[in-house]
Amino acid sequence: VDKGIGQIVNALKDPNGDGDTSDSVYEDTMIVFISDNGGAGKMRASNKPLRGGKFYMWEGGHRVPFFMTWDRFLSSAGKNGTDIRGTSVDEPVTSLDVLPTILDAGGINDPSSNPLLRSSPSDGKSWLPALDGSVTRLHDYLFWFRERAGNRYVGVVRRGRWKLIIDRKEGPGFELFNLKTDIGETNNMAQSYPDIVQELKGAFIKYANEMARRNGEEVPNVRLSRMSSV
């Protein structure tokens, strides 16, 4: 991976390969790197200090490396034109945010004005405001959802530091973690913060009932009656 990325970067810096970088387009190119999700246990992959791996709803199953470079833009993209290259942002984003970010960078601030984009609106948001510090939170909630056989499912809803795992099949039913203090998801705080559980559960139910199945049928109402109460 490192070698392949290096070849791409070198080609951008010296397009014709003659050693003269005066024709470089690297400074004007946005490069986004995202890894595949979750190292697989059967391949002896390690996700430590994260818990779990591929196919699991703990952080080891879906938290991935995610970074971007864009020299000319980022060198003056901060407040009052400050240089924000090398900035780290502690704000969760997803691959859904890539397209809105590219559109925002290209000056397309209203995707609905484009007929192609209007027909398939994105749930993502541009992360440029998070880079320059103009917003502190891009998403009110983030969701992950995986169906299982027999009308069972496991889902995740996250708001800021709080993450709720909802499992229709396996106890304890609800797992609530504070990712700011417990990135390894070892301390289930569902019993200690029932109000947060109810809020996140309600957001998840609303989200799930708005989703459409891949075959175009509407998702049946999500019922959590079989799950343990908090």
C-alpha atoms as a PDB file:
ATOM      1  CA  VAL A   1       0.000   0.000   0.000  1.00  0.00           C
ATOM      2  CA  ASP A   2       2.761   2.452   0.941  1.00  0.00           C
ATOM      3  CA  LYS A   3       4.619   1.780  -2.300  1.00  0.00           C
ATOM      4  CA  GLY A   4       1.477   2.164  -4.414  1.00  0.00           C
ATOM      5  CA  ILE A   5       0.529   5.459  -2.785  1.00  0.00           C
ATOM      6  CA  GLY A   6       4.101   6.660  -3.220  1.00  0.00           C
ATOM      7  CA  GLN A   7       3.940   5.923  -6.938  1.00  0.00           C
ATOM      8  CA  ILE A   8       0.722   7.925  -7.265  1.00  0.00           C
ATOM      9  CA  VAL A   9       2.170  10.884  -5.355  1.00  0.00           C
ATOM     10  CA  ASN A  10       5.389  10.807  -7.378  1.00  0.00           C
ATOM     11  CA  ALA A  11       3.408  10.753 -10.630  1.00  0.00           C
ATOM     12  CA  LEU A  12       1.443  13.799  -9.505  1.00  0.00           C
ATOM     13  CA  LYS A  13       4.622  15.649  -8.559  1.00  0.00           C
ATOM     14  CA  ASP A  14       6.408  14.739 -11.801  1.00  0.00           C
ATOM     15  CA  PRO A  15       3.752  13.871 -14.425  1.00  0.00           C
ATOM     16  CA  ASN A  16       6.129  13.193 -17.317  1.00  0.00           C
ATOM     17  CA  GLY A  17       8.809  11.541 -15.177  1.00  0.00           C
ATOM     18  CA  ASP A  18      11.684  13.715 -16.357  1.00  0.00           C
ATOM     19  CA  GLY A  19      12.801  14.764 -12.885  1.00  0.00           C
ATOM     20  CA  ASP A  20      11.515  18.317 -13.332  1.00  0.00           C
ATOM     21  CA  THR A  21       8.659  19.041 -10.923  1.00  0.00           C
ATOM     22  CA  SER A  22       7.750  22.407 -12.423  1.00  0.00           C
ATOM     23  CA  ASP A  23       4.744  20.691 -14.021  1.00  0.00           C
ATOM     24  CA  SER A  24       3.592  19.218 -10.680  1.00  0.00           C
ATOM     25  CA  VAL A  25      -0.142  18.950 -10.082  1.00  0.00           C
ATOM     26  CA  TYR A  26       0.271  17.488  -6.591  1.00  0.00           C
ATOM     27  CA  GLU A  27      -0.372  20.781  -4.816  1.00  0.00           C
ATOM     28  CA  ASP A  28      -3.743  21.141  -6.547  1.00  0.00           C
ATOM     29  CA  THR A  29      -4.891  17.540  -6.054  1.00  0.00           C
ATOM     30  CA  MET A  30      -7.083  16.315  -3.217  1.00  0.00           C
ATOM     31  CA  ILE A  31      -5.982  12.857  -2.090  1.00  0.00           C
ATOM     32  CA  VAL A  32      -8.260  10.921   0.263  1.00  0.00           C
ATOM     33  CA  PHE A  33      -7.121   7.680   1.907  1.00  0.00           C
ATOM     34  CA  ILE A  34      -9.588   5.266   3.513  1.00  0.00           C
ATOM     35  CA  SER A  35      -8.865   1.723   4.623  1.00  0.00           C
ATOM     36  CA  ASP A  36     -11.115  -1.304   4.348  1.00  0.00           C
ATOM     37  CA  ASN A  37     -13.075  -1.885   7.535  1.00  0.00           C
ATOM     38  CA  GLY A  38     -12.107  -4.255  10.306  1.00  0.00           C
ATOM     39  CA  GLY A  39      -9.204  -6.670  10.200  1.00  0.00           C
ATOM     40  CA  ALA A  40     -10.535 -10.227   9.946  1.00  0.00           C
ATOM     41  CA  GLY A  41      -9.815 -12.511  12.893  1.00  0.00           C
ATOM     42  CA  LYS A  42      -9.448 -15.584  10.676  1.00  0.00           C
ATOM     43  CA  MET A  43      -6.550 -13.800   8.976  1.00  0.00           C
ATOM     44  CA  ARG A  44      -4.998 -13.195  12.412  1.00  0.00           C
ATOM     45  CA  ALA A  45      -5.356  -9.456  11.927  1.00  0.00           C
ATOM     46  CA  SER A  46      -5.110  -7.266  15.005  1.00  0.00           C
ATOM     47  CA  ASN A  47      -7.295  -4.220  15.587  1.00  0.00           C
ATOM     48  CA  LYS A  48      -5.938  -3.416  19.040  1.00  0.00           C
ATOM     49  CA  PRO A  49      -6.614  -1.343  21.050  1.00  0.00           C
ATOM     50  CA  LEU A  50     -10.029  -1.578  19.386  1.00  0.00           C
ATOM     51  CA  ARG A  51     -12.433  -4.373  20.263  1.00  0.00           C
ATOM     52  CA  GLY A  52     -13.706  -6.832  17.663  1.00  0.00           C
ATOM     53  CA  GLY A  53     -13.043  -7.070  13.946  1.00  0.00           C
ATOM     54  CA  LYS A  54     -14.766  -7.407  10.601  1.00  0.00           C
ATOM     55  CA  PHE A  55     -18.529  -8.104  10.830  1.00  0.00           C
ATOM     56  CA  TYR A  56     -18.690  -6.817  14.422  1.00  0.00           C
ATOM     57  CA  MET A  57     -20.246  -3.552  15.572  1.00  0.00           C
ATOM     58  CA  TRP A  58     -17.488  -2.683  18.009  1.00  0.00           C
ATOM     59  CA  GLU A  59     -14.931  -0.129  16.854  1.00  0.00           C
ATOM     60  CA  GLY A  60     -12.599  -2.831  15.545  1.00  0.00           C
ATOM     61  CA  GLY A  61     -15.253  -3.645  12.975  1.00  0.00           C
ATOM     62  CA  HIS A  62     -15.710  -0.264  11.358  1.00  0.00           C
ATOM     63  CA  ARG A  63     -13.217   2.385  12.564  1.00  0.00           C
ATOM     64  CA  VAL A  64     -10.630   2.930   9.829  1.00  0.00           C
ATOM     65  CA  PRO A  65      -7.684   5.203   8.973  1.00  0.00           C
ATOM     66  CA  PHE A  66      -8.939   8.271   7.151  1.00  0.00           C
ATOM     67  CA  PHE A  67      -6.841  11.216   5.985  1.00  0.00           C
ATOM     68  CA  MET A  68      -6.577  13.710   3.162  1.00  0.00           C
ATOM     69  CA  THR A  69      -3.958  15.977   1.610  1.00  0.00           C
ATOM     70  CA  TRP A  70      -4.465  18.998  -0.597  1.00  0.00           C
ATOM     71  CA  ASP A  71      -1.497  21.309  -0.225  1.00  0.00           C
ATOM     72  CA  ARG A  72      -2.559  24.471  -1.986  1.00  0.00           C
ATOM     73  CA  PHE A  73      -6.051  24.519  -0.490  1.00  0.00           C
ATOM     74  CA  LEU A  74      -5.156  23.509   3.064  1.00  0.00           C
ATOM     75  CA  SER A  75      -2.252  25.959   3.225  1.00  0.00           C
ATOM     76  CA  SER A  76      -4.767  28.795   3.531  1.00  0.00           C
ATOM     77  CA  ALA A  77      -8.058  27.074   4.404  1.00  0.00           C
ATOM     78  CA  GLY A  78      -8.113  27.938   8.102  1.00  0.00           C
ATOM     79  CA  LYS A  79      -9.738  30.902   9.756  1.00  0.00           C
ATOM     80  CA  ASN A  80      -8.333  34.161   8.396  1.00  0.00           C
ATOM     81  CA  GLY A  81      -6.427  32.204   5.763  1.00  0.00           C
ATOM     82  CA  THR A  82      -4.246  30.240   8.175  1.00  0.00           C
ATOM     83  CA  ASP A  83      -2.341  27.092   7.223  1.00  0.00           C
ATOM     84  CA  ILE A  84      -4.132  23.955   8.496  1.00  0.00           C
ATOM     85  CA  ARG A  85      -1.900  21.330   6.892  1.00  0.00           C
ATOM     86  CA  GLY A  86      -1.097  18.629   9.431  1.00  0.00           C
ATOM     87  CA  THR A  87      -4.274  19.311  11.400  1.00  0.00           C
ATOM     88  CA  SER A  88      -5.939  16.422  13.239  1.00  0.00           C
ATOM     89  CA  VAL A  89      -9.687  16.609  13.781  1.00  0.00           C
ATOM     90  CA  ASP A  90     -11.330  14.568  16.536  1.00  0.00           C
ATOM     91  CA  GLU A  91     -14.675  14.419  14.773  1.00  0.00           C
ATOM     92  CA  PRO A  92     -16.211  11.202  13.382  1.00  0.00           C
ATOM     93  CA  VAL A  93     -16.711  11.165   9.632  1.00  0.00           C
ATOM     94  CA  THR A  94     -17.677   8.420   7.191  1.00  0.00           C
ATOM     95  CA  SER A  95     -17.042   7.498   3.574  1.00  0.00           C
ATOM     96  CA  LEU A  96     -20.445   9.058   2.849  1.00  0.00           C
ATOM     97  CA  ASP A  97     -18.780  12.417   3.475  1.00  0.00           C
ATOM     98  CA  VAL A  98     -16.275  12.090   0.628  1.00  0.00           C
ATOM     99  CA  LEU A  99     -18.598  13.175  -2.206  1.00  0.00           C
ATOM    100  CA  PRO A 100     -20.065  16.193  -0.350  1.00  0.00           C
ATOM    101  CA  THR A 101     -16.519  17.262   0.543  1.00  0.00           C
ATOM    102  CA  ILE A 102     -15.368  17.093  -3.071  1.00  0.00           C
ATOM    103  CA  LEU A 103     -18.434  19.050  -4.190  1.00  0.00           C
ATOM    104  CA  ASP A 104     -17.839  21.655  -1.498  1.00  0.00           C
ATOM    105  CA  ALA A 105     -14.207  21.976  -2.521  1.00  0.00           C
ATOM    106  CA  GLY A 106     -15.331  22.489  -6.107  1.00  0.00           C
ATOM    107  CA  GLY A 107     -17.691  25.276  -5.120  1.00  0.00           C
ATOM    108  CA  ILE A 108     -20.901  23.245  -5.488  1.00  0.00           C
ATOM    109  CA  ASN A 109     -22.562  24.289  -2.252  1.00  0.00           C
ATOM    110  CA  ASP A 110     -26.081  23.288  -3.279  1.00  0.00           C
ATOM    111  CA  PRO A 111     -26.030  19.737  -4.715  1.00  0.00           C
ATOM    112  CA  SER A 112     -29.810  19.894  -5.227  1.00  0.00           C
ATOM    113  CA  SER A 113     -29.194  22.281  -8.125  1.00  0.00           C
ATOM    114  CA  ASN A 114     -27.585  19.408 -10.039  1.00  0.00           C
ATOM    115  CA  PRO A 115     -30.189  17.009 -11.537  1.00  0.00           C
ATOM    116  CA  LEU A 116     -27.897  13.989 -11.160  1.00  0.00           C
ATOM    117  CA  LEU A 117     -27.254  14.700  -7.491  1.00  0.00           C
ATOM    118  CA  ARG A 118     -30.833  15.713  -6.771  1.00  0.00           C
ATOM    119  CA  SER A 119     -32.087  12.247  -7.696  1.00  0.00           C
ATOM    120  CA  SER A 120     -29.667  10.547  -5.284  1.00  0.00           C
ATOM    121  CA  PRO A 121     -29.115  12.852  -2.302  1.00  0.00           C
ATOM    122  CA  SER A 122     -26.242  11.965  -0.009  1.00  0.00           C
ATOM    123  CA  ASP A 123     -26.463  11.460   3.744  1.00  0.00           C
ATOM    124  CA  GLY A 124     -22.897  12.700   3.973  1.00  0.00           C
ATOM    125  CA  LYS A 125     -21.629  16.163   4.818  1.00  0.00           C
ATOM    126  CA  SER A 126     -18.562  18.110   3.778  1.00  0.00           C
ATOM    127  CA  TRP A 127     -15.848  17.852   6.387  1.00  0.00           C
ATOM    128  CA  LEU A 128     -14.153  21.100   5.284  1.00  0.00           C
ATOM    129  CA  PRO A 129     -15.967  23.124   8.011  1.00  0.00           C
ATOM    130  CA  ALA A 130     -14.537  20.723  10.602  1.00  0.00           C
ATOM    131  CA  LEU A 131     -11.033  21.219   9.236  1.00  0.00           C
ATOM    132  CA  ASP A 132     -11.129  24.993   9.516  1.00  0.00           C
ATOM    133  CA  GLY A 133     -12.814  24.870  12.922  1.00  0.00           C
ATOM    134  CA  SER A 134     -16.040  26.590  11.898  1.00  0.00           C
ATOM    135  CA  VAL A 135     -18.149  23.678  13.228  1.00  0.00           C
ATOM    136  CA  THR A 136     -17.566  21.327  16.142  1.00  0.00           C
ATOM    137  CA  ARG A 137     -19.898  18.537  15.031  1.00  0.00           C
ATOM    138  CA  LEU A 138     -20.708  17.468  11.473  1.00  0.00           C
ATOM    139  CA  HIS A 139     -23.303  14.791  12.212  1.00  0.00           C
ATOM    140  CA  ASP A 140     -25.992  14.780  14.869  1.00  0.00           C
ATOM    141  CA  TYR A 141     -26.050  10.988  14.646  1.00  0.00           C
ATOM    142  CA  LEU A 142     -24.181   8.289  12.746  1.00  0.00           C
ATOM    143  CA  PHE A 143     -25.706   4.861  12.090  1.00  0.00           C
ATOM    144  CA  TRP A 144     -24.572   1.362  11.185  1.00  0.00           C
ATOM    145  CA  PHE A 145     -27.040  -1.435  10.505  1.00  0.00           C
ATOM    146  CA  ARG A 146     -26.673  -5.108   9.648  1.00  0.00           C
ATOM    147  CA  GLU A 147     -29.573  -7.453   8.988  1.00  0.00           C
ATOM    148  CA  ARG A 148     -29.557 -11.055  10.114  1.00  0.00           C
ATOM    149  CA  ALA A 149     -31.760 -14.005   9.287  1.00  0.00           C
ATOM    150  CA  GLY A 150     -35.124 -14.308  10.990  1.00  0.00           C
ATOM    151  CA  ASN A 151     -35.935 -10.592  11.217  1.00  0.00           C
ATOM    152  CA  ARG A 152     -32.973 -10.054  13.483  1.00  0.00           C
ATOM    153  CA  TYR A 153     -30.413  -7.305  13.246  1.00  0.00           C
ATOM    154  CA  VAL A 154     -27.617  -5.513  15.001  1.00  0.00           C
ATOM    155  CA  GLY A 155     -27.279  -1.762  14.768  1.00  0.00           C
ATOM    156  CA  VAL A 156     -25.220   1.121  16.070  1.00  0.00           C
ATOM    157  CA  VAL A 157     -26.040   4.759  16.659  1.00  0.00           C
ATOM    158  CA  ARG A 158     -23.424   7.278  17.672  1.00  0.00           C
ATOM    159  CA  ARG A 159     -23.733  10.849  18.926  1.00  0.00           C
ATOM    160  CA  GLY A 160     -20.485  12.552  19.805  1.00  0.00           C
ATOM    161  CA  ARG A 161     -18.671  10.480  22.397  1.00  0.00           C
ATOM    162  CA  TRP A 162     -21.635   8.155  23.003  1.00  0.00           C
ATOM    163  CA  LYS A 163     -22.140   4.935  21.064  1.00  0.00           C
ATOM    164  CA  LEU A 164     -25.088   2.557  21.516  1.00  0.00           C
ATOM    165  CA  ILE A 165     -25.036  -0.991  20.143  1.00  0.00           C
ATOM    166  CA  ILE A 166     -28.475  -2.555  19.714  1.00  0.00           C
ATOM    167  CA  ASP A 167     -28.459  -6.334  19.277  1.00  0.00           C
ATOM    168  CA  ARG A 168     -31.751  -8.102  18.515  1.00  0.00           C
ATOM    169  CA  LYS A 169     -30.180 -11.522  18.964  1.00  0.00           C
ATOM    170  CA  GLU A 170     -27.520 -11.526  21.659  1.00  0.00           C
ATOM    171  CA  GLY A 171     -27.651 -10.142  25.217  1.00  0.00           C
ATOM    172  CA  PRO A 172     -27.376  -7.823  26.983  1.00  0.00           C
ATOM    173  CA  GLY A 173     -29.398  -6.119  24.227  1.00  0.00           C
ATOM    174  CA  PHE A 174     -27.960  -2.656  24.762  1.00  0.00           C
ATOM    175  CA  GLU A 175     -24.323  -1.704  25.066  1.00  0.00           C
ATOM    176  CA  LEU A 176     -23.496   1.965  25.700  1.00  0.00           C
ATOM    177  CA  PHE A 177     -19.913   3.162  25.529  1.00  0.00           C
ATOM    178  CA  ASN A 178     -18.154   6.479  26.055  1.00  0.00           C
ATOM    179  CA  LEU A 179     -15.609   6.361  23.243  1.00  0.00           C
ATOM    180  CA  LYS A 180     -13.724   9.378  24.554  1.00  0.00           C
ATOM    181  CA  THR A 181     -12.685   7.523  27.706  1.00  0.00           C
ATOM    182  CA  ASP A 182     -13.158   3.889  26.638  1.00  0.00           C
ATOM    183  CA  ILE A 183     -12.018   3.348  23.059  1.00  0.00           C
ATOM    184  CA  GLY A 184     -11.667  -0.383  23.793  1.00  0.00           C
ATOM    185  CA  GLU A 185     -15.396  -0.615  24.667  1.00  0.00           C
ATOM    186  CA  THR A 186     -14.853  -2.552  27.872  1.00  0.00           C
ATOM    187  CA  ASN A 187     -17.294  -0.727  30.166  1.00  0.00           C
ATOM    188  CA  ASN A 188     -20.985  -1.003  29.261  1.00  0.00           C
ATOM    189  CA  MET A 189     -22.639   2.101  30.750  1.00  0.00           C
ATOM    190  CA  ALA A 190     -26.221   1.395  29.648  1.00  0.00           C
ATOM    191  CA  GLN A 191     -27.479   0.918  33.209  1.00  0.00           C
ATOM    192  CA  SER A 192     -25.836   4.143  34.369  1.00  0.00           C
ATOM    193  CA  TYR A 193     -27.198   6.386  31.602  1.00  0.00           C
ATOM    194  CA  PRO A 194     -30.728   5.181  30.723  1.00  0.00           C
ATOM    195  CA  ASP A 195     -31.734   8.591  29.313  1.00  0.00           C
ATOM    196  CA  ILE A 196     -28.929   8.473  26.759  1.00  0.00           C
ATOM    197  CA  VAL A 197     -29.883   4.904  25.845  1.00  0.00           C
ATOM    198  CA  GLN A 198     -33.492   5.957  25.225  1.00  0.00           C
ATOM    199  CA  GLU A 199     -32.446   8.966  23.139  1.00  0.00           C
ATOM    200  CA  LEU A 200     -30.075   6.973  20.938  1.00  0.00           C
ATOM    201  CA  LYS A 201     -32.517   4.069  20.650  1.00  0.00           C
ATOM    202  CA  GLY A 202     -35.231   6.463  19.460  1.00  0.00           C
ATOM    203  CA  ALA A 203     -32.903   7.971  16.863  1.00  0.00           C
ATOM    204  CA  PHE A 204     -32.001   4.491  15.633  1.00  0.00           C
ATOM    205  CA  ILE A 205     -35.644   3.383  15.320  1.00  0.00           C
ATOM    206  CA  LYS A 206     -36.469   6.504  13.311  1.00  0.00           C
ATOM    207  CA  TYR A 207     -33.488   5.911  11.035  1.00  0.00           C
ATOM    208  CA  ALA A 208     -34.233   2.207  10.523  1.00  0.00           C
ATOM    209  CA  ASN A 209     -37.861   2.852   9.608  1.00  0.00           C
ATOM    210  CA  GLU A 210     -36.802   5.412   6.996  1.00  0.00           C
ATOM    211  CA  MET A 211     -34.460   2.963   5.276  1.00  0.00           C
ATOM    212  CA  ALA A 212     -35.394   0.981   2.176  1.00  0.00           C
ATOM    213  CA  ARG A 213     -34.366  -2.592   1.545  1.00  0.00           C
ATOM    214  CA  ARG A 214     -32.165  -3.388  -1.415  1.00  0.00           C
ATOM    215  CA  ASN A 215     -35.114  -4.907  -3.281  1.00  0.00           C
ATOM    216  CA  GLY A 216     -37.056  -1.657  -2.919  1.00  0.00           C
ATOM    217  CA  GLU A 217     -39.449  -2.837  -0.217  1.00  0.00           C
ATOM    218  CA  GLU A 218     -39.923  -0.726   2.863  1.00  0.00           C
ATOM    219  CA  VAL A 219     -38.345  -1.915   6.073  1.00  0.00           C
ATOM    220  CA  PRO A 220     -40.968  -3.208   8.550  1.00  0.00           C
ATOM    221  CA  ASN A 221     -41.374  -1.200  11.731  1.00  0.00           C
ATOM    222  CA  VAL A 222     -38.468  -1.842  14.032  1.00  0.00           C
ATOM    223  CA  ARG A 223     -39.642  -3.362  17.295  1.00  0.00           C
ATOM    224  CA  LEU A 224     -37.325  -3.684  20.237  1.00  0.00           C
ATOM    225  CA  SER A 225     -39.766  -5.466  22.556  1.00  0.00           C
ATOM    226  CA  ARG A 226     -37.660  -8.616  22.714  1.00  0.00           C
ATOM    227  CA  MET A 227     -34.660  -6.702  23.942  1.00  0.00           C
ATOM    228  CA  SER A 228     -33.753  -6.232  27.575  1.00  0.00           C
ATOM    229  CA  SER A 229     -35.077  -3.064  29.151  1.00  0.00           C
ATOM    230  CA  VAL A 230     -32.915  -0.400  30.731  1.00  0.00           C
END
